[in-house]
Amino acid sequence: MSTATITSKGQITIPAVVRAALGVEAGDRIEFVQVEPGRFELVASTQSVSALKGLVRKPTSPVTIEAMSQAIATHGAKAR
């Protein structure tokens, strides 16, 4: 298990072993995600928005503004 000490400014140095396992380096961002009260996970948030390209398929045929408005009206009314 790796440990770190909090400085008087509230800063910590993430041990090299943990940085390597997360795949992070100087300048990268990490998120602290609360999984339960008093327990957090460190998550590397190093991917850019461009890495999301291709996750959602393009529709086989174009969707019209009218069709989008109708879908919003239909499904929005059900949610209320």
Protein backbone atom coordinates (compact mmCIF):
# COMPACT_ATOMS: atom_id res chain seq x y z
CA MET A 1 0.00 0.00 0.00
CA SER A 2 1.26 3.48 -0.86
CA THR A 3 0.79 6.42 1.47
CA ALA A 4 1.20 10.19 1.22
CA THR A 5 1.38 13.03 3.72
CA ILE A 6 -0.77 16.15 3.48
CA THR A 7 1.18 19.42 3.69
CA SER A 8 0.03 22.47 5.63
CA LYS A 9 -1.32 23.82 2.31
CA GLY A 10 -3.48 20.70 1.82
CA GLN A 11 -1.28 19.29 -0.93
CA ILE A 12 -0.09 15.72 -1.39
CA THR A 13 2.46 14.06 -3.62
CA ILE A 14 0.99 11.02 -5.33
CA PRO A 15 3.52 8.18 -5.04
CA ALA A 16 5.29 7.20 -8.27
CA VAL A 17 3.80 3.69 -8.19
CA VAL A 18 0.26 5.14 -8.08
CA ARG A 19 1.00 7.69 -10.83
CA ALA A 20 2.33 4.91 -13.05
CA ALA A 21 -0.72 2.70 -12.38
CA LEU A 22 -3.06 5.61 -13.24
CA GLY A 23 -1.01 6.55 -16.29
CA VAL A 24 -0.73 10.19 -15.20
CA GLU A 25 2.16 12.59 -15.29
CA ALA A 26 2.88 16.22 -14.49
CA GLY A 27 0.10 18.50 -15.73
CA ASP A 28 -2.55 15.77 -15.97
CA ARG A 29 -5.80 16.08 -14.03
CA ILE A 30 -7.30 13.59 -11.62
CA GLU A 31 -10.74 13.50 -10.06
CA PHE A 32 -11.64 12.50 -6.52
CA VAL A 33 -14.92 10.56 -6.67
CA GLN A 34 -16.77 9.84 -3.42
CA VAL A 35 -17.91 6.21 -3.48
CA GLU A 36 -19.32 6.25 0.05
CA PRO A 37 -19.04 8.57 3.05
CA GLY A 38 -15.37 8.87 4.00
CA ARG A 39 -14.15 6.87 0.96
CA PHE A 40 -12.90 8.31 -2.34
CA GLU A 41 -11.44 6.93 -5.56
CA LEU A 42 -8.83 8.70 -7.68
CA VAL A 43 -9.75 8.68 -11.35
CA ALA A 44 -7.43 9.90 -14.07
CA SER A 45 -9.24 12.40 -16.29
CA THR A 46 -6.58 12.69 -18.95
CA GLN A 47 -8.65 12.00 -22.06
CA SER A 48 -9.64 14.95 -24.18
CA VAL A 49 -13.07 15.48 -25.66
CA SER A 50 -11.74 14.45 -29.07
CA ALA A 51 -11.18 10.94 -27.63
CA LEU A 52 -14.98 10.55 -27.52
CA LYS A 53 -15.23 10.81 -31.31
CA GLY A 54 -16.89 7.74 -32.79
CA LEU A 55 -18.63 6.54 -29.63
CA VAL A 56 -22.07 7.42 -31.00
CA ARG A 57 -23.10 6.14 -34.42
CA LYS A 58 -24.45 8.52 -37.01
CA PRO A 59 -28.12 7.93 -37.83
CA THR A 60 -28.75 5.96 -41.02
CA SER A 61 -30.91 8.79 -42.31
CA PRO A 62 -30.93 12.47 -41.34
CA VAL A 63 -33.36 13.49 -38.60
CA THR A 64 -35.47 16.55 -39.32
CA ILE A 65 -36.01 19.39 -36.88
CA GLU A 66 -39.74 18.58 -36.96
CA ALA A 67 -39.07 14.96 -35.97
CA MET A 68 -36.81 16.09 -33.10
CA SER A 69 -39.45 18.57 -31.89
CA GLN A 70 -42.14 15.88 -32.03
CA ALA A 71 -39.97 13.42 -30.07
CA ILE A 72 -39.24 16.06 -27.43
CA ALA A 73 -42.92 16.97 -27.15
CA THR A 74 -44.00 13.33 -26.90
CA HIS A 75 -41.37 12.13 -24.43
CA GLY A 76 -41.26 15.38 -22.46
CA ALA A 77 -45.00 15.22 -21.87
CA LYS A 78 -44.69 11.65 -20.53
CA ALA A 79 -41.99 12.70 -18.05
CA ARG A 80 -44.30 15.18 -16.33
